[in-house]
Amino acid sequence: MGTPGQKEMGVMKAIRTLVKRALGVFGCEIRRLPRIDGSSPAYQAVNPAATYSPWNKDAAFIGMYAAIRGFTLVDRYRCFELWRLVEQSSKLPFGNLVEIGVWRGGTGALIAGQAKRCGIADRVFLCDTFTGVVKAGPQDSAYKGGEHHDTTRQVVENLVYKQINLDNVEVMEGVFPDQTGHVIENLQFRFCHIDVDVYQSAKDIDEWIWSKMVHGGIIVYDDYGFQGCDGVTKYVEEQMPYKDRLVIHNLNGHAIVVKL
């Protein structure tokens, strides 16, 4: 039955839940404010004051996002940033595009769809183990390996080839770059989306692809700034002093790296 203290905690939790739900109906939410005593945590809710929302006016994006939103864990804001960055990469004269960490194919399809829409003739490679996260290690506080295994190559191929009718995509199954990197070893890239959740995997991918990125090429790290993905955040922070790249911390949960 529980002690009186446990019962009281349960009641308070239920009240907080009801209050949050009630506020949610009116588009409001409760967030904990940062401490002002100098002991603020490294992670807290980030609420920029800017309100410009171009994703609400881009008809092509709205249509694509509606088609892929059930196939991705990436929110609307980061999806729109990928959409815009692929468009920006079309200014470069050449280079393929690659995503590592595809899950069910949502952002991969979005990247490929925008590449085709922007007239990029190069290929889009979607790489995943389809068995979940690999290479979790001591730098990663939350991931242990095998997470996000609830997908298959067939799910991704059905989305990109049949539902969205893309013909510029190649799906590659296996640990990247260890098992599949040799297939595209001799190519150059204009855009790379790294969504692998853990330190060592992100590091191995970056070290493999950096020499293959064209000047002006863009690498986007998902998971940057999320508390459960602190390994990726650590790896991006390690790149800040490097002279051959610009490293941009975006408050939406992306790090953007541009090759100089």
Protein backbone atom coordinates (compact mmCIF):
# COMPACT_ATOMS: atom_id res chain seq x y z
CA MET A 1 0.00 0.00 0.00
CA GLY A 2 2.99 2.32 0.60
CA THR A 3 3.89 4.70 3.40
CA PRO A 4 2.06 8.00 3.97
CA GLY A 5 5.07 9.80 2.46
CA GLN A 6 4.95 7.67 -0.67
CA LYS A 7 1.22 8.25 -0.99
CA GLU A 8 1.74 12.01 -0.70
CA MET A 9 4.44 11.93 -3.38
CA GLY A 10 2.12 9.96 -5.63
CA VAL A 11 -0.66 12.50 -5.18
CA MET A 12 1.69 15.41 -5.91
CA LYS A 13 2.96 13.68 -9.04
CA ALA A 14 -0.60 13.12 -10.22
CA ILE A 15 -1.43 16.79 -9.60
CA ARG A 16 1.63 17.96 -11.54
CA THR A 17 0.67 15.70 -14.43
CA LEU A 18 -2.87 17.08 -14.50
CA VAL A 19 -1.63 20.68 -14.37
CA LYS A 20 0.82 20.06 -17.25
CA ARG A 21 -1.90 18.47 -19.35
CA ALA A 22 -4.31 21.34 -18.62
CA LEU A 23 -1.71 23.93 -19.59
CA GLY A 24 -0.88 21.94 -22.72
CA VAL A 25 -4.45 22.41 -23.95
CA PHE A 26 -3.75 26.16 -24.06
CA GLY A 27 -0.33 25.76 -25.66
CA CYS A 28 1.58 26.38 -22.45
CA GLU A 29 4.13 24.34 -20.53
CA ILE A 30 6.05 24.37 -17.26
CA ARG A 31 9.85 24.49 -17.31
CA ARG A 32 12.31 24.58 -14.42
CA LEU A 33 14.28 27.84 -14.30
CA PRO A 34 18.09 27.70 -14.08
CA ARG A 35 19.69 28.33 -10.70
CA ILE A 36 21.18 31.76 -10.07
CA ASP A 37 23.70 30.65 -7.44
CA GLY A 38 26.47 29.77 -9.87
CA SER A 39 25.67 26.06 -9.87
CA SER A 40 23.60 25.94 -13.07
CA PRO A 41 23.62 22.49 -14.68
CA ALA A 42 25.38 21.77 -17.97
CA TYR A 43 22.02 20.76 -19.46
CA GLN A 44 18.76 22.65 -19.13
CA ALA A 45 15.80 23.58 -21.32
CA VAL A 46 16.74 26.12 -24.01
CA ASN A 47 14.06 28.61 -25.02
CA PRO A 48 15.26 31.16 -27.61
CA ALA A 49 13.15 34.31 -27.91
CA ALA A 50 13.20 34.41 -31.74
CA THR A 51 9.89 33.58 -33.39
CA TYR A 52 10.64 33.49 -37.13
CA SER A 53 9.18 30.17 -38.34
CA PRO A 54 9.87 29.64 -42.07
CA TRP A 55 8.94 25.95 -41.81
CA ASN A 56 5.33 27.09 -41.57
CA LYS A 57 5.48 28.81 -44.99
CA ASP A 58 7.54 26.38 -47.06
CA ALA A 59 4.92 24.33 -48.92
CA ALA A 60 7.44 21.82 -50.29
CA PHE A 61 8.86 21.19 -46.84
CA ILE A 62 5.42 20.89 -45.29
CA GLY A 63 4.49 18.21 -47.82
CA MET A 64 7.72 16.28 -47.34
CA TYR A 65 7.58 16.50 -43.56
CA ALA A 66 4.02 15.19 -43.56
CA ALA A 67 5.24 12.18 -45.56
CA ILE A 68 8.24 11.35 -43.35
CA ARG A 69 7.31 12.45 -39.84
CA GLY A 70 6.21 8.93 -38.84
CA PHE A 71 9.62 7.59 -39.90
CA THR A 72 11.89 9.83 -37.85
CA LEU A 73 12.59 10.86 -34.26
CA VAL A 74 13.97 14.20 -35.47
CA ASP A 75 11.69 17.15 -34.74
CA ARG A 76 10.31 19.65 -37.25
CA TYR A 77 12.97 22.29 -36.50
CA ARG A 78 15.96 20.03 -37.13
CA CYS A 79 14.25 18.51 -40.17
CA PHE A 80 13.79 21.99 -41.63
CA GLU A 81 17.43 22.79 -40.96
CA LEU A 82 18.49 19.68 -42.89
CA TRP A 83 16.14 20.75 -45.68
CA ARG A 84 17.70 24.22 -45.86
CA LEU A 85 21.30 22.99 -45.55
CA VAL A 86 20.86 20.54 -48.42
CA GLU A 87 19.59 23.47 -50.47
CA GLN A 88 22.66 25.48 -49.49
CA SER A 89 24.93 22.58 -50.43
CA SER A 90 23.51 22.70 -53.96
CA LYS A 91 25.68 25.80 -54.48
CA LEU A 92 28.75 23.55 -54.41
CA PRO A 93 29.82 22.26 -57.84
CA PHE A 94 29.85 18.56 -56.93
CA GLY A 95 29.71 16.02 -54.13
CA ASN A 96 27.51 13.19 -52.97
CA LEU A 97 25.35 13.19 -49.84
CA VAL A 98 25.36 10.64 -47.05
CA GLU A 99 23.43 9.97 -43.87
CA ILE A 100 24.72 7.59 -41.24
CA GLY A 101 22.09 6.55 -38.71
CA VAL A 102 18.95 6.21 -40.79
CA TRP A 103 16.54 4.42 -38.42
CA ARG A 104 13.30 4.23 -40.43
CA GLY A 105 14.43 6.54 -43.21
CA GLY A 106 12.59 9.78 -42.48
CA THR A 107 15.44 12.28 -42.57
CA GLY A 108 17.21 10.30 -45.27
CA ALA A 109 14.17 10.59 -47.50
CA LEU A 110 13.90 14.28 -46.69
CA ILE A 111 17.56 14.86 -47.61
CA ALA A 112 17.24 12.90 -50.84
CA GLY A 113 13.97 14.55 -51.78
CA GLN A 114 15.41 18.02 -51.30
CA ALA A 115 18.60 17.10 -53.18
CA LYS A 116 16.53 16.03 -56.16
CA ARG A 117 14.33 19.10 -55.90
CA CYS A 118 17.44 21.35 -55.92
CA GLY A 119 18.85 19.70 -59.02
CA ILE A 120 21.72 17.87 -57.31
CA ALA A 121 22.65 15.04 -59.66
CA ASP A 122 24.90 13.21 -57.19
CA ARG A 123 23.77 10.20 -55.18
CA VAL A 124 22.43 10.03 -51.63
CA PHE A 125 23.71 7.14 -49.51
CA LEU A 126 21.72 6.01 -46.46
CA CYS A 127 23.80 3.90 -44.08
CA ASP A 128 22.58 1.98 -41.04
CA THR A 129 23.24 -1.24 -39.15
CA PHE A 130 19.48 -1.88 -38.84
CA THR A 131 20.39 -3.60 -35.57
CA GLY A 132 20.60 -0.49 -33.40
CA VAL A 133 23.34 1.68 -31.93
CA VAL A 134 26.92 0.38 -32.06
CA LYS A 135 30.20 1.42 -30.40
CA ALA A 136 28.68 2.75 -27.18
CA GLY A 137 31.43 3.27 -24.64
CA PRO A 138 32.62 5.14 -21.54
CA GLN A 139 32.02 8.56 -23.16
CA ASP A 140 28.29 7.81 -23.40
CA SER A 141 26.20 8.06 -20.25
CA ALA A 142 22.90 6.73 -21.57
CA TYR A 143 23.53 4.45 -24.54
CA LYS A 144 24.72 0.89 -24.01
CA GLY A 145 24.29 -0.47 -27.55
CA GLY A 146 21.40 -1.90 -29.55
CA GLU A 147 19.01 1.01 -29.03
CA HIS A 148 16.79 2.04 -31.99
CA HIS A 149 16.87 -1.44 -33.49
CA ASP A 150 13.13 -1.28 -34.24
CA THR A 151 13.56 -0.85 -37.98
CA THR A 152 14.55 -2.80 -41.08
CA ARG A 153 16.15 -2.10 -44.41
CA GLN A 154 12.83 -2.97 -46.04
CA VAL A 155 11.04 -0.22 -44.09
CA VAL A 156 13.51 2.36 -45.39
CA GLU A 157 13.45 1.09 -48.97
CA ASN A 158 9.67 1.06 -49.01
CA LEU A 159 9.61 4.68 -47.85
CA VAL A 160 12.19 6.08 -50.26
CA TYR A 161 11.47 3.98 -53.35
CA LYS A 162 7.73 3.35 -53.17
CA GLN A 163 6.09 5.97 -51.00
CA ILE A 164 8.17 8.97 -52.06
CA ASN A 165 9.38 7.57 -55.41
CA LEU A 166 13.02 8.61 -55.13
CA ASP A 167 15.57 7.27 -57.59
CA ASN A 168 18.71 8.97 -56.25
CA VAL A 169 19.13 6.83 -53.13
CA GLU A 170 21.29 3.84 -52.26
CA VAL A 171 20.69 2.05 -48.96
CA MET A 172 23.75 0.46 -47.34
CA GLU A 173 23.41 -2.05 -44.51
CA GLY A 174 26.18 -2.60 -41.96
CA VAL A 175 28.41 -0.74 -39.52
CA PHE A 176 29.77 2.40 -41.18
CA PRO A 177 32.54 2.87 -42.13
CA ASP A 178 33.89 -0.47 -40.89
CA GLN A 179 31.75 -2.76 -43.05
CA THR A 180 30.42 -0.55 -45.83
CA GLY A 181 32.77 2.42 -46.19
CA HIS A 182 34.87 0.64 -48.83
CA VAL A 183 31.91 0.71 -51.23
CA ILE A 184 32.07 4.52 -51.48
CA GLU A 185 35.73 4.97 -50.55
CA ASN A 186 36.63 6.87 -53.73
CA LEU A 187 33.75 9.35 -53.72
CA GLN A 188 33.63 12.96 -52.56
CA PHE A 189 30.85 14.47 -50.47
CA ARG A 190 29.14 17.83 -50.12
CA PHE A 191 26.81 16.90 -47.25
CA CYS A 192 26.91 14.42 -44.38
CA HIS A 193 24.30 13.86 -41.66
CA ILE A 194 25.65 11.95 -38.65
CA ASP A 195 22.90 10.62 -36.38
CA VAL A 196 24.57 7.81 -34.44
CA ASP A 197 24.04 8.86 -30.80
CA VAL A 198 27.45 7.87 -29.41
CA TYR A 199 31.01 9.22 -29.28
CA GLN A 200 33.12 6.54 -30.96
CA SER A 201 30.80 5.99 -33.88
CA ALA A 202 30.63 9.74 -34.59
CA LYS A 203 34.43 9.99 -34.33
CA ASP A 204 35.07 7.06 -36.68
CA ILE A 205 32.70 8.50 -39.28
CA ASP A 206 34.21 11.97 -39.12
CA GLU A 207 37.76 10.66 -39.42
CA TRP A 208 36.75 8.55 -42.42
CA ILE A 209 34.86 11.22 -44.30
CA TRP A 210 36.72 14.45 -43.56
CA SER A 211 39.31 14.05 -46.32
CA LYS A 212 36.48 13.19 -48.72
CA MET A 213 34.43 16.33 -47.97
CA VAL A 214 34.71 19.06 -50.60
CA HIS A 215 35.65 22.56 -49.43
CA GLY A 216 32.47 24.19 -48.25
CA GLY A 217 30.98 20.78 -47.50
CA ILE A 218 28.66 20.49 -44.53
CA ILE A 219 28.56 17.90 -41.75
CA VAL A 220 25.52 17.98 -39.46
CA TYR A 221 25.68 16.20 -36.12
CA ASP A 222 22.31 15.30 -34.72
CA ASP A 223 22.21 14.62 -30.96
CA TYR A 224 24.48 17.57 -30.18
CA GLY A 225 23.34 19.12 -26.93
CA PHE A 226 20.98 16.35 -25.85
CA GLN A 227 21.76 15.11 -22.36
CA GLY A 228 21.45 11.43 -23.24
CA CYS A 229 23.83 11.89 -26.18
CA ASP A 230 26.65 13.57 -24.29
CA GLY A 231 29.25 11.48 -26.13
CA VAL A 232 28.41 13.19 -29.43
CA THR A 233 28.52 16.57 -27.72
CA LYS A 234 31.98 15.77 -26.34
CA TYR A 235 33.27 14.79 -29.76
CA VAL A 236 31.98 17.96 -31.42
CA GLU A 237 33.51 20.09 -28.65
CA GLU A 238 36.87 18.45 -29.34
CA GLN A 239 36.73 19.86 -32.88
CA MET A 240 36.28 23.49 -31.81
CA PRO A 241 40.03 24.36 -31.97
CA TYR A 242 40.61 22.78 -35.40
CA LYS A 243 41.72 25.32 -38.02
CA ASP A 244 40.27 23.52 -41.04
CA ARG A 245 36.59 23.85 -40.11
CA LEU A 246 33.89 26.10 -38.72
CA VAL A 247 31.99 24.48 -35.85
CA ILE A 248 28.58 26.01 -35.16
CA HIS A 249 26.50 25.21 -32.08
CA ASN A 250 22.86 25.48 -33.04
CA LEU A 251 20.45 25.67 -30.11
CA ASN A 252 18.00 23.25 -31.75
CA GLY A 253 20.20 20.22 -31.07
CA HIS A 254 22.43 20.28 -34.12
CA ALA A 255 26.11 21.01 -34.53
CA ILE A 256 27.00 22.19 -38.03
CA VAL A 257 30.56 21.81 -39.27
CA VAL A 258 31.70 23.47 -42.51
CA LYS A 259 34.98 22.46 -44.17
CA LEU A 260 37.23 25.43 -44.92
